[in-house]
Amino acid sequence: MHEIGIVRDALQVVRENMEGREDSRVAEIVMTVGELSLVIPKYLEEVYPYVVEDDPMFKDTKLVIEVEPGLAECEDCDEVYNLIENEGVCPRCGSKAKTVYTGKECLIKELHIVPRSENS
């Protein structure tokens, strides 16, 4: 399950971006995961609490996953279509020749940062 490593790597990136911001804390991490990325969003959500449970910087943060559809453009007829829904075949002309535009990503999209309260 490589999702544990992905969560750990994402937290390291967030940690580096929070350096010098002791007056703030991360409330929410929003990640974009593409349908074609081979990362399973459900697994990210399942392992996240276990990865952060002993880390005071992240234990109260929320992970939000947004799934990016795998979109491609047919090289024969220029139709833009969802690869998963159409099993990699252009729904207009039946061609398998395509340029993939979205769906391979796995990235941190947003950090929701709030002021650190005195009791946190």
Protein backbone atom coordinates (compact mmCIF):
# COMPACT_ATOMS: atom_id res chain seq x y z
CA MET A 1 0.00 0.00 0.00
CA HIS A 2 1.97 2.98 -1.29
CA GLU A 3 -0.69 5.39 0.00
CA ILE A 4 1.08 5.50 3.40
CA GLY A 5 4.21 6.83 1.71
CA ILE A 6 2.18 9.35 -0.27
CA VAL A 7 0.58 10.68 2.93
CA ARG A 8 3.96 10.88 4.67
CA ASP A 9 5.51 12.71 1.69
CA ALA A 10 2.57 15.14 1.54
CA LEU A 11 2.89 15.88 5.26
CA GLN A 12 6.60 16.55 4.83
CA VAL A 13 5.83 19.09 2.09
CA VAL A 14 3.23 20.75 4.34
CA ARG A 15 5.67 20.76 7.27
CA GLU A 16 8.30 22.50 5.13
CA ASN A 17 5.76 25.10 3.99
CA MET A 18 4.73 25.81 7.58
CA GLU A 19 8.27 26.55 8.80
CA GLY A 20 8.38 29.94 10.48
CA ARG A 21 4.60 30.10 10.92
CA GLU A 22 4.38 29.20 14.60
CA ASP A 23 1.37 31.54 14.95
CA SER A 24 -0.68 29.37 12.54
CA ARG A 25 -1.75 25.77 12.19
CA VAL A 26 -3.03 23.61 9.35
CA ALA A 27 -6.74 22.87 9.70
CA GLU A 28 -7.24 21.07 6.40
CA ILE A 29 -5.15 19.58 3.61
CA VAL A 30 -6.86 19.32 0.23
CA MET A 31 -5.34 16.87 -2.23
CA THR A 32 -6.22 16.25 -5.86
CA VAL A 33 -5.95 12.63 -6.95
CA GLY A 34 -6.41 11.72 -10.60
CA GLU A 35 -8.45 8.72 -11.70
CA LEU A 36 -5.45 7.51 -13.70
CA SER A 37 -2.83 8.04 -10.98
CA LEU A 38 -2.93 4.52 -9.47
CA VAL A 39 -3.55 6.15 -6.08
CA ILE A 40 -6.73 5.03 -4.36
CA PRO A 41 -8.41 7.97 -2.59
CA LYS A 42 -10.23 5.69 -0.14
CA TYR A 43 -6.91 4.26 1.03
CA LEU A 44 -5.43 7.75 1.54
CA GLU A 45 -8.42 8.62 3.70
CA GLU A 46 -8.13 5.36 5.66
CA VAL A 47 -4.41 5.58 6.45
CA TYR A 48 -4.32 9.33 7.16
CA PRO A 49 -5.56 9.13 10.80
CA TYR A 50 -2.95 6.47 11.62
CA VAL A 51 -0.09 8.40 10.05
CA VAL A 52 -0.93 11.63 11.94
CA GLU A 53 -2.16 10.24 15.28
CA ASP A 54 1.17 10.79 17.10
CA ASP A 55 2.14 13.98 15.28
CA PRO A 56 1.05 17.09 17.21
CA MET A 57 1.35 19.25 14.10
CA PHE A 58 -1.22 17.22 12.13
CA LYS A 59 -3.30 15.13 14.55
CA ASP A 60 -6.24 17.59 14.42
CA THR A 61 -6.07 18.24 10.68
CA LYS A 62 -8.58 17.03 8.14
CA LEU A 63 -7.66 15.46 4.81
CA VAL A 64 -9.96 16.23 1.87
CA ILE A 65 -9.56 14.31 -1.39
CA GLU A 66 -10.83 15.69 -4.70
CA VAL A 67 -10.85 13.19 -7.56
CA GLU A 68 -9.77 14.58 -10.93
CA PRO A 69 -11.34 12.77 -13.89
CA GLY A 70 -9.12 11.22 -16.52
CA LEU A 71 -9.82 13.34 -19.59
CA ALA A 72 -8.34 12.87 -23.03
CA GLU A 73 -8.73 14.31 -26.51
CA CYS A 74 -9.14 12.02 -29.48
CA GLU A 75 -6.34 12.56 -31.98
CA ASP A 76 -8.65 11.62 -34.87
CA CYS A 77 -11.82 13.67 -34.23
CA ASP A 78 -10.84 16.09 -31.38
CA GLU A 79 -13.55 14.79 -29.01
CA VAL A 80 -12.69 15.37 -25.32
CA TYR A 81 -13.91 12.44 -23.23
CA ASN A 82 -13.55 10.60 -19.92
CA LEU A 83 -11.14 7.71 -20.33
CA ILE A 84 -12.52 5.57 -17.54
CA GLU A 85 -16.16 5.93 -18.56
CA ASN A 86 -15.31 5.12 -22.18
CA GLU A 87 -12.67 2.44 -21.50
CA GLY A 88 -10.03 4.44 -23.38
CA VAL A 89 -12.00 4.53 -26.64
CA CYS A 90 -13.36 7.71 -28.21
CA PRO A 91 -17.15 7.67 -27.90
CA ARG A 92 -17.56 9.62 -31.12
CA CYS A 93 -15.35 7.76 -33.61
CA GLY A 94 -14.08 4.66 -31.78
CA SER A 95 -10.41 5.62 -32.04
CA LYS A 96 -7.89 4.65 -29.36
CA ALA A 97 -5.46 7.41 -30.39
CA LYS A 98 -5.56 10.07 -27.69
CA THR A 99 -3.76 12.77 -25.76
CA VAL A 100 -4.33 12.54 -22.02
CA TYR A 101 -4.92 15.92 -20.35
CA THR A 102 -5.95 15.20 -16.77
CA GLY A 103 -6.23 12.37 -14.31
CA LYS A 104 -2.60 11.42 -13.64
CA GLU A 105 -1.98 13.92 -10.86
CA CYS A 106 -1.58 13.38 -7.15
CA LEU A 107 -0.86 16.70 -5.48
CA ILE A 108 -1.55 19.03 -2.62
CA LYS A 109 -4.06 21.51 -3.96
CA GLU A 110 -4.71 23.69 -0.91
CA LEU A 111 -3.77 24.19 2.70
CA HIS A 112 -6.36 25.75 4.96
CA ILE A 113 -4.37 27.58 7.60
CA VAL A 114 -5.89 29.18 10.67
CA PRO A 115 -4.43 31.20 13.54
CA ARG A 116 -3.17 29.05 16.36
CA SER A 117 -5.35 29.50 19.43
CA GLU A 118 -3.85 29.61 22.89
CA ASN A 119 -5.26 26.17 23.80
CA SER A 120 -4.02 24.32 20.68
